[in-house]
C-alpha atoms as a PDB file:
ATOM      1  CA  MET A   1     113.999 -90.009  -9.639  1.00  0.00           C
ATOM      2  CA  ALA A   2     110.751 -89.026  -7.964  1.00  0.00           C
ATOM      3  CA  SER A   3     110.302 -91.321  -4.980  1.00  0.00           C
ATOM      4  CA  PRO A   4     108.330 -90.044  -2.001  1.00  0.00           C
ATOM      5  CA  GLY A   5     110.271 -88.270   0.745  1.00  0.00           C
ATOM      6  CA  ASP A   6     113.582 -89.777   1.721  1.00  0.00           C
ATOM      7  CA  LYS A   7     112.537 -93.356   0.936  1.00  0.00           C
ATOM      8  CA  ILE A   8     113.167 -95.188  -2.294  1.00  0.00           C
ATOM      9  CA  ALA A   9     110.260 -97.563  -1.685  1.00  0.00           C
ATOM     10  CA  PRO A  10     108.461 -98.788   1.420  1.00  0.00           C
ATOM     11  CA  GLN A  11     111.045 -99.877   4.007  1.00  0.00           C
ATOM     12  CA  THR A  12     113.895 -98.967   1.632  1.00  0.00           C
ATOM     13  CA  THR A  13     116.161 -95.926   1.845  1.00  0.00           C
ATOM     14  CA  GLU A  14     118.762 -96.683  -0.852  1.00  0.00           C
ATOM     15  CA  ASN A  15     118.793 -97.916  -4.442  1.00  0.00           C
ATOM     16  CA  HIS A  16     119.712-101.579  -4.891  1.00  0.00           C
ATOM     17  CA  PHE A  17     120.187-104.083  -7.736  1.00  0.00           C
ATOM     18  CA  THR A  18     120.724-101.248 -10.232  1.00  0.00           C
ATOM     19  CA  ASP A  19     123.020-103.174 -12.577  1.00  0.00           C
ATOM     20  CA  PRO A  20     120.995-105.212 -15.079  1.00  0.00           C
ATOM     21  CA  VAL A  21     121.843-108.902 -15.237  1.00  0.00           C
ATOM     22  CA  GLU A  22     120.971-108.804 -18.927  1.00  0.00           C
ATOM     23  CA  ILE A  23     120.074-106.300 -21.634  1.00  0.00           C
ATOM     24  CA  ARG A  24     117.969-107.505 -24.550  1.00  0.00           C
ATOM     25  CA  GLU A  25     116.849-105.752 -27.674  1.00  0.00           C
ATOM     26  CA  THR A  26     113.351-106.277 -29.066  1.00  0.00           C
ATOM     27  CA  ALA A  27     112.515-106.725 -32.730  1.00  0.00           C
ATOM     28  CA  TYR A  28     111.802-102.980 -32.814  1.00  0.00           C
ATOM     29  CA  ASN A  29     115.258-102.067 -31.427  1.00  0.00           C
ATOM     30  CA  ILE A  30     113.956-101.226 -27.958  1.00  0.00           C
ATOM     31  CA  GLU A  31     116.354-102.073 -25.153  1.00  0.00           C
ATOM     32  CA  ARG A  32     114.951-104.033 -22.237  1.00  0.00           C
ATOM     33  CA  TYR A  33     116.854-104.091 -18.963  1.00  0.00           C
ATOM     34  CA  ILE A  34     116.476-107.187 -16.804  1.00  0.00           C
ATOM     35  CA  HIS A  35     117.213-106.883 -13.092  1.00  0.00           C
ATOM     36  CA  LEU A  36     117.344-109.556 -10.411  1.00  0.00           C
ATOM     37  CA  VAL A  37     115.465-108.578  -7.234  1.00  0.00           C
ATOM     38  CA  PRO A  38     115.782-111.112  -4.395  1.00  0.00           C
ATOM     39  CA  LEU A  39     112.761-112.375  -2.501  1.00  0.00           C
ATOM     40  CA  ASP A  40     114.036-110.991   0.804  1.00  0.00           C
ATOM     41  CA  TRP A  41     113.411-107.417  -0.422  1.00  0.00           C
ATOM     42  CA  PHE A  42     109.740-108.235  -1.005  1.00  0.00           C
ATOM     43  CA  LEU A  43     109.514-109.937   2.405  1.00  0.00           C
ATOM     44  CA  VAL A  44     110.873-106.852   4.181  1.00  0.00           C
ATOM     45  CA  VAL A  45     108.645-104.489   2.182  1.00  0.00           C
ATOM     46  CA  SER A  46     105.556-106.595   2.933  1.00  0.00           C
ATOM     47  CA  GLY A  47     106.374-106.802   6.654  1.00  0.00           C
ATOM     48  CA  GLU A  48     106.897-110.572   6.670  1.00  0.00           C
ATOM     49  CA  ILE A  49     110.472-109.963   7.814  1.00  0.00           C
ATOM     50  CA  HIS A  50     110.285-107.435  10.640  1.00  0.00           C
ATOM     51  CA  ALA A  51     113.177-105.051   9.994  1.00  0.00           C
ATOM     52  CA  TRP A  52     113.364-101.278  10.379  1.00  0.00           C
ATOM     53  CA  ASN A  53     114.165-101.160   6.690  1.00  0.00           C
ATOM     54  CA  TYR A  54     115.828-103.264   4.010  1.00  0.00           C
ATOM     55  CA  GLU A  55     119.273-101.826   4.697  1.00  0.00           C
ATOM     56  CA  HIS A  56     118.957-102.765   8.391  1.00  0.00           C
ATOM     57  CA  TYR A  57     118.001-106.280   7.316  1.00  0.00           C
ATOM     58  CA  LEU A  58     121.047-106.549   5.022  1.00  0.00           C
ATOM     59  CA  ASP A  59     123.400-105.361   7.761  1.00  0.00           C
ATOM     60  CA  ASN A  60     121.944-107.790  10.331  1.00  0.00           C
ATOM     61  CA  GLU A  61     120.528-110.667   8.284  1.00  0.00           C
ATOM     62  CA  GLN A  62     122.104-113.335  10.488  1.00  0.00           C
ATOM     63  CA  HIS A  63     120.085-112.040  13.471  1.00  0.00           C
ATOM     64  CA  PHE A  64     116.688-112.433  11.845  1.00  0.00           C
ATOM     65  CA  GLU A  65     114.734-115.588  12.592  1.00  0.00           C
ATOM     66  CA  LYS A  66     112.981-115.403   9.231  1.00  0.00           C
ATOM     67  CA  ARG A  67     115.269-115.063   6.246  1.00  0.00           C
ATOM     68  CA  GLY A  68     114.564-114.910   2.541  1.00  0.00           C
ATOM     69  CA  GLY A  69     116.391-118.190   1.866  1.00  0.00           C
ATOM     70  CA  GLN A  70     113.750-120.092   3.827  1.00  0.00           C
ATOM     71  CA  TYR A  71     110.970-118.968   1.479  1.00  0.00           C
ATOM     72  CA  SER A  72     110.246-119.648  -2.182  1.00  0.00           C
ATOM     73  CA  ILE A  73     108.272-117.854  -4.863  1.00  0.00           C
ATOM     74  CA  ASP A  74     105.418-119.978  -6.116  1.00  0.00           C
ATOM     75  CA  ASN A  75     104.133-117.576  -8.745  1.00  0.00           C
ATOM     76  CA  VAL A  76     104.060-113.960  -9.890  1.00  0.00           C
ATOM     77  CA  TYR A  77     100.883-112.375 -11.248  1.00  0.00           C
ATOM     78  CA  PHE A  78     101.572-109.316 -13.377  1.00  0.00           C
ATOM     79  CA  GLU A  79      99.467-108.011 -16.253  1.00  0.00           C
ATOM     80  CA  TYR A  80     101.201-105.418 -18.403  1.00  0.00           C
ATOM     81  CA  GLU A  81      97.862-104.326 -19.890  1.00  0.00           C
ATOM     82  CA  ARG A  82      96.395-103.528 -16.475  1.00  0.00           C
ATOM     83  CA  GLU A  83      95.748 -99.880 -15.637  1.00  0.00           C
ATOM     84  CA  PRO A  84      98.008 -98.197 -13.060  1.00  0.00           C
ATOM     85  CA  ASN A  85      96.633 -97.480  -9.594  1.00  0.00           C
ATOM     86  CA  PRO A  86      94.978 -94.082  -9.274  1.00  0.00           C
ATOM     87  CA  ASP A  87      97.255 -93.267  -6.298  1.00  0.00           C
ATOM     88  CA  GLY A  88     100.287 -92.956  -8.591  1.00  0.00           C
ATOM     89  CA  THR A  89     102.147 -96.068  -7.403  1.00  0.00           C
ATOM     90  CA  GLY A  90     102.095 -97.876 -10.719  1.00  0.00           C
ATOM     91  CA  LYS A  91     100.528-101.172 -11.646  1.00  0.00           C
ATOM     92  CA  PRO A  92      99.800-103.662  -8.891  1.00  0.00           C
ATOM     93  CA  PHE A  93     101.159-107.180  -9.057  1.00  0.00           C
ATOM     94  CA  LYS A  94     101.108-110.168  -6.733  1.00  0.00           C
ATOM     95  CA  ILE A  95     103.823-112.507  -5.623  1.00  0.00           C
ATOM     96  CA  ARG A  96     102.657-115.775  -4.105  1.00  0.00           C
ATOM     97  CA  VAL A  97     105.286-116.967  -1.622  1.00  0.00           C
ATOM     98  CA  ILE A  98     105.515-120.237   0.285  1.00  0.00           C
ATOM     99  CA  ASP A  99     106.985-119.936   3.785  1.00  0.00           C
ATOM    100  CA  PRO A 100     109.043-122.609   5.627  1.00  0.00           C
ATOM    101  CA  ASN A 101     105.807-124.158   7.002  1.00  0.00           C
ATOM    102  CA  ASP A 102     104.320-124.501   3.493  1.00  0.00           C
ATOM    103  CA  ASP A 103     101.877-121.685   4.223  1.00  0.00           C
ATOM    104  CA  GLU A 104     101.021-119.174   1.529  1.00  0.00           C
ATOM    105  CA  ILE A 105     101.980-115.518   1.832  1.00  0.00           C
ATOM    106  CA  LYS A 106     100.869-112.926  -0.694  1.00  0.00           C
ATOM    107  CA  CYS A 107     102.941-109.825  -1.370  1.00  0.00           C
ATOM    108  CA  HIS A 108     101.170-106.989  -3.201  1.00  0.00           C
ATOM    109  CA  PRO A 109     103.854-104.493  -4.289  1.00  0.00           C
ATOM    110  CA  ARG A 110     103.576-101.859  -7.020  1.00  0.00           C
ATOM    111  CA  THR A 111     105.677-101.368 -10.126  1.00  0.00           C
ATOM    112  CA  HIS A 112     106.750 -97.830  -9.199  1.00  0.00           C
ATOM    113  CA  TYR A 113     108.466 -99.207  -6.105  1.00  0.00           C
ATOM    114  CA  LEU A 114     110.569-101.408  -8.371  1.00  0.00           C
ATOM    115  CA  LEU A 115     111.406 -98.477 -10.628  1.00  0.00           C
ATOM    116  CA  TRP A 116     112.488 -96.405  -7.627  1.00  0.00           C
ATOM    117  CA  LEU A 117     114.447 -99.310  -6.124  1.00  0.00           C
ATOM    118  CA  LEU A 118     116.318 -99.880  -9.388  1.00  0.00           C
ATOM    119  CA  ASP A 119     116.848 -96.114  -9.905  1.00  0.00           C
ATOM    120  CA  TYR A 120     114.651 -95.521 -12.967  1.00  0.00           C
ATOM    121  CA  ASP A 121     112.493 -92.460 -13.583  1.00  0.00           C
ATOM    122  CA  GLU A 122     108.856 -93.612 -13.645  1.00  0.00           C
ATOM    123  CA  GLU A 123     107.981 -90.911 -16.178  1.00  0.00           C
ATOM    124  CA  SER A 124     110.480 -92.340 -18.689  1.00  0.00           C
ATOM    125  CA  TYR A 125     110.525 -96.094 -17.953  1.00  0.00           C
ATOM    126  CA  GLU A 126     108.012 -98.821 -17.197  1.00  0.00           C
ATOM    127  CA  VAL A 127     107.994-102.386 -15.946  1.00  0.00           C
ATOM    128  CA  VAL A 128     106.931-104.724 -18.753  1.00  0.00           C
ATOM    129  CA  ARG A 129     107.500-108.139 -17.181  1.00  0.00           C
ATOM    130  CA  ILE A 130     108.019-109.710 -13.759  1.00  0.00           C
ATOM    131  CA  ALA A 131     108.806-113.411 -13.510  1.00  0.00           C
ATOM    132  CA  PRO A 132     110.241-115.742 -10.858  1.00  0.00           C
ATOM    133  CA  THR A 133     113.704-117.196 -11.354  1.00  0.00           C
ATOM    134  CA  GLU A 134     114.141-120.927 -11.913  1.00  0.00           C
ATOM    135  CA  ARG A 135     115.375-121.247  -8.313  1.00  0.00           C
ATOM    136  CA  HIS A 136     112.249-119.396  -7.054  1.00  0.00           C
ATOM    137  CA  ASP A 137     114.379-117.190  -4.775  1.00  0.00           C
ATOM    138  CA  ALA A 138     114.113-113.925  -6.724  1.00  0.00           C
ATOM    139  CA  VAL A 139     112.238-112.242  -9.545  1.00  0.00           C
ATOM    140  CA  LEU A 140     113.474-110.972 -12.870  1.00  0.00           C
ATOM    141  CA  VAL A 141     112.125-107.485 -13.517  1.00  0.00           C
ATOM    142  CA  THR A 142     112.146-106.326 -17.141  1.00  0.00           C
ATOM    143  CA  ILE A 143     112.131-102.570 -17.709  1.00  0.00           C
ATOM    144  CA  GLN A 144     112.047-100.557 -20.906  1.00  0.00           C
ATOM    145  CA  GLU A 145     111.639 -96.985 -21.985  1.00  0.00           C
ATOM    146  CA  ARG A 146     108.024 -95.849 -21.959  1.00  0.00           C
ATOM    147  CA  LEU A 147     106.613 -95.836 -25.473  1.00  0.00           C
ATOM    148  CA  PRO A 148     103.995 -93.396 -26.697  1.00  0.00           C
ATOM    149  CA  HIS A 149     100.654 -95.158 -26.606  1.00  0.00           C
ATOM    150  CA  VAL A 150      98.525 -95.012 -29.701  1.00  0.00           C
ATOM    151  CA  PRO A 151      94.807 -95.034 -28.883  1.00  0.00           C
ATOM    152  CA  ARG A 152      92.861 -97.945 -30.283  1.00  0.00           C
ATOM    153  CA  GLU A 153      90.102 -97.273 -32.766  1.00  0.00           C
ATOM    154  CA  ASP A 154      86.947 -99.094 -31.738  1.00  0.00           C
END
């Protein structure tokens, strides 16, 4: 894994949610690993929940005024075809969150942070899908091995 320094992702020092909730195989026999990442991780990473880091939040969740269970995911905007950021943090995506006062909060994480969080090597794997759960309290992150890209002929 090649995360920066001693952090897995912003505000995160350990890997979490590394066991897939489901493994699917595509028509081309490519395994896709689906992980459940709770909304509270995104809220800590974005600074909406003010914790030293995600592990501190988990250890002291009952002491935080704002907690992930009070929020809901309205929508996730992720385009697989989009080019990665030039800074090496993967493809950007947006999570539109509704807070307890019905105000909108936008989280703008990067796919490499998810790969690091879930303990995947970003040189070998990529995020291919991010979608909210039916309960709107987490996202399902689908990861597969990076495939060689064949250039298009124009």
